[in-house]
């Protein structure tokens, strides 16, 4: 069922190591990951500011 939904789909051969220079279909680039990390920190900060003691 998961393979029919597209989960677990590999675009590289099983048993081979991942190459840093290769780009895979389901891979996010570093700038997107950095943006998500920054957004998470800002969200945590905002939640901390909104807490009422």
N, C-alpha and C. Protein backbone atom coordinates (compact mmCIF):
# COMPACT_ATOMS: atom_id res chain seq x y z
N UNK A 1 0.82 -1.20 0.00
CA UNK A 1 0.00 0.00 0.00
C UNK A 1 0.87 1.27 0.00
N UNK A 2 1.92 1.26 0.81
CA UNK A 2 2.78 2.44 0.88
C UNK A 2 3.46 2.72 -0.45
N UNK A 3 3.87 1.67 -1.15
CA UNK A 3 4.53 1.89 -2.44
C UNK A 3 3.54 2.44 -3.46
N UNK A 4 2.28 2.10 -3.35
CA UNK A 4 1.27 2.63 -4.26
C UNK A 4 1.04 4.12 -4.04
N UNK A 5 1.21 4.57 -2.81
CA UNK A 5 1.04 5.98 -2.47
C UNK A 5 2.30 6.80 -2.79
N UNK A 6 3.38 6.12 -3.09
CA UNK A 6 4.61 6.82 -3.42
C UNK A 6 5.59 6.91 -2.27
N UNK A 7 5.23 6.38 -1.12
CA UNK A 7 6.14 6.42 0.02
C UNK A 7 7.16 5.29 -0.11
N UNK A 8 8.35 5.57 0.32
CA UNK A 8 9.38 4.55 0.26
C UNK A 8 9.97 4.40 -1.13
N UNK A 9 9.60 5.26 -2.05
CA UNK A 9 10.12 5.18 -3.41
C UNK A 9 11.57 5.63 -3.39
N UNK A 10 12.42 4.85 -3.96
CA UNK A 10 13.84 5.19 -4.01
C UNK A 10 14.21 5.48 -5.46
N UNK A 11 14.98 6.52 -5.66
CA UNK A 11 15.45 6.85 -7.00
C UNK A 11 16.90 6.43 -7.17
N UNK A 12 17.45 5.81 -6.14
CA UNK A 12 18.80 5.30 -6.22
C UNK A 12 18.74 3.79 -6.03
N UNK A 13 19.76 3.09 -6.44
CA UNK A 13 19.78 1.63 -6.36
C UNK A 13 19.98 1.20 -4.92
N UNK A 14 19.26 0.20 -4.53
CA UNK A 14 19.39 -0.32 -3.18
C UNK A 14 20.77 -0.96 -3.01
N UNK A 15 21.40 -0.72 -1.89
CA UNK A 15 22.71 -1.28 -1.63
C UNK A 15 23.84 -0.33 -1.97
N UNK A 16 23.55 0.73 -2.70
CA UNK A 16 24.58 1.71 -3.04
C UNK A 16 24.51 2.87 -2.06
N UNK A 17 25.66 3.44 -1.75
CA UNK A 17 25.66 4.58 -0.85
C UNK A 17 25.18 5.83 -1.58
N UNK A 18 24.65 6.77 -0.83
CA UNK A 18 24.18 8.03 -1.41
C UNK A 18 25.37 8.91 -1.75
N UNK A 19 25.36 9.48 -2.92
CA UNK A 19 26.44 10.37 -3.34
C UNK A 19 26.07 11.81 -3.00
N UNK A 20 26.99 12.54 -2.41
CA UNK A 20 26.72 13.93 -2.05
C UNK A 20 26.51 14.81 -3.28
N UNK A 21 27.16 14.46 -4.38
CA UNK A 21 27.07 15.29 -5.57
C UNK A 21 25.82 15.01 -6.39
N UNK A 22 25.15 13.89 -6.12
CA UNK A 22 23.95 13.53 -6.90
C UNK A 22 22.72 14.21 -6.32
N UNK A 23 21.78 14.56 -7.19
CA UNK A 23 20.51 15.13 -6.75
C UNK A 23 19.42 14.09 -6.97
N UNK A 24 18.61 13.87 -5.95
CA UNK A 24 17.55 12.89 -6.00
C UNK A 24 16.21 13.61 -6.07
N UNK A 25 15.20 12.95 -6.63
CA UNK A 25 13.89 13.56 -6.84
C UNK A 25 13.23 14.04 -5.55
N UNK A 26 13.39 13.30 -4.48
CA UNK A 26 12.68 13.61 -3.23
C UNK A 26 13.56 14.36 -2.22
N UNK A 27 14.63 14.97 -2.68
CA UNK A 27 15.57 15.65 -1.80
C UNK A 27 15.31 17.16 -1.76
N UNK A 28 15.33 17.74 -0.56
CA UNK A 28 15.19 19.18 -0.41
C UNK A 28 16.58 19.80 -0.44
N UNK A 29 16.69 20.98 -1.04
CA UNK A 29 18.01 21.62 -1.07
C UNK A 29 18.30 22.30 0.27
N UNK A 30 19.55 22.67 0.48
CA UNK A 30 19.99 23.21 1.77
C UNK A 30 19.31 24.51 2.13
N UNK A 31 19.01 25.37 1.17
CA UNK A 31 18.39 26.65 1.50
C UNK A 31 16.96 26.45 2.01
N UNK A 32 16.25 25.48 1.49
CA UNK A 32 14.90 25.17 1.99
C UNK A 32 14.99 24.65 3.42
N UNK A 33 15.93 23.75 3.69
CA UNK A 33 16.09 23.21 5.03
C UNK A 33 16.49 24.30 6.03
N UNK A 34 17.35 25.21 5.62
CA UNK A 34 17.73 26.33 6.49
C UNK A 34 16.52 27.20 6.81
N UNK A 35 15.70 27.48 5.81
CA UNK A 35 14.50 28.29 6.03
C UNK A 35 13.52 27.63 6.98
N UNK A 36 13.36 26.32 6.86
CA UNK A 36 12.46 25.58 7.75
C UNK A 36 12.99 25.62 9.19
N UNK A 37 14.30 25.49 9.35
CA UNK A 37 14.89 25.53 10.69
C UNK A 37 14.69 26.90 11.33
N UNK A 38 14.90 27.96 10.56
CA UNK A 38 14.70 29.32 11.07
C UNK A 38 13.24 29.56 11.43
N UNK A 39 12.35 29.09 10.57
CA UNK A 39 10.92 29.25 10.85
C UNK A 39 10.53 28.51 12.13
N UNK A 40 11.10 27.35 12.35
CA UNK A 40 10.82 26.59 13.58
C UNK A 40 11.28 27.33 14.82
N UNK A 41 12.46 27.92 14.75
CA UNK A 41 12.97 28.69 15.90
C UNK A 41 12.10 29.90 16.17
N UNK A 42 11.69 30.59 15.11
CA UNK A 42 10.82 31.76 15.29
C UNK A 42 9.48 31.35 15.88
N UNK A 43 8.95 30.22 15.45
CA UNK A 43 7.67 29.74 15.97
C UNK A 43 7.80 29.40 17.45
N UNK A 44 8.89 28.72 17.83
CA UNK A 44 9.13 28.42 19.25
C UNK A 44 9.24 29.69 20.07
N UNK A 45 9.94 30.70 19.53
CA UNK A 45 10.08 31.98 20.23
C UNK A 45 8.71 32.63 20.42
N UNK A 46 7.90 32.61 19.36
CA UNK A 46 6.57 33.22 19.43
C UNK A 46 5.70 32.51 20.48
N UNK A 47 5.74 31.18 20.50
CA UNK A 47 4.97 30.45 21.50
C UNK A 47 5.43 30.79 22.91
N UNK A 48 6.73 30.94 23.09
CA UNK A 48 7.24 31.33 24.40
C UNK A 48 6.78 32.72 24.82
N UNK A 49 6.69 33.64 23.87
CA UNK A 49 6.23 34.99 24.18
C UNK A 49 4.74 35.03 24.51
N UNK A 50 3.96 34.12 23.94
CA UNK A 50 2.51 34.14 24.13
C UNK A 50 2.06 33.39 25.39
N UNK A 51 2.95 32.62 26.01
CA UNK A 51 2.59 31.89 27.20
C UNK A 51 2.30 32.85 28.35
N UNK A 52 1.23 32.57 29.07
CA UNK A 52 0.86 33.39 30.23
C UNK A 52 1.15 32.56 31.47
N UNK A 53 1.93 33.13 32.36
CA UNK A 53 2.28 32.40 33.59
C UNK A 53 1.28 32.64 34.66
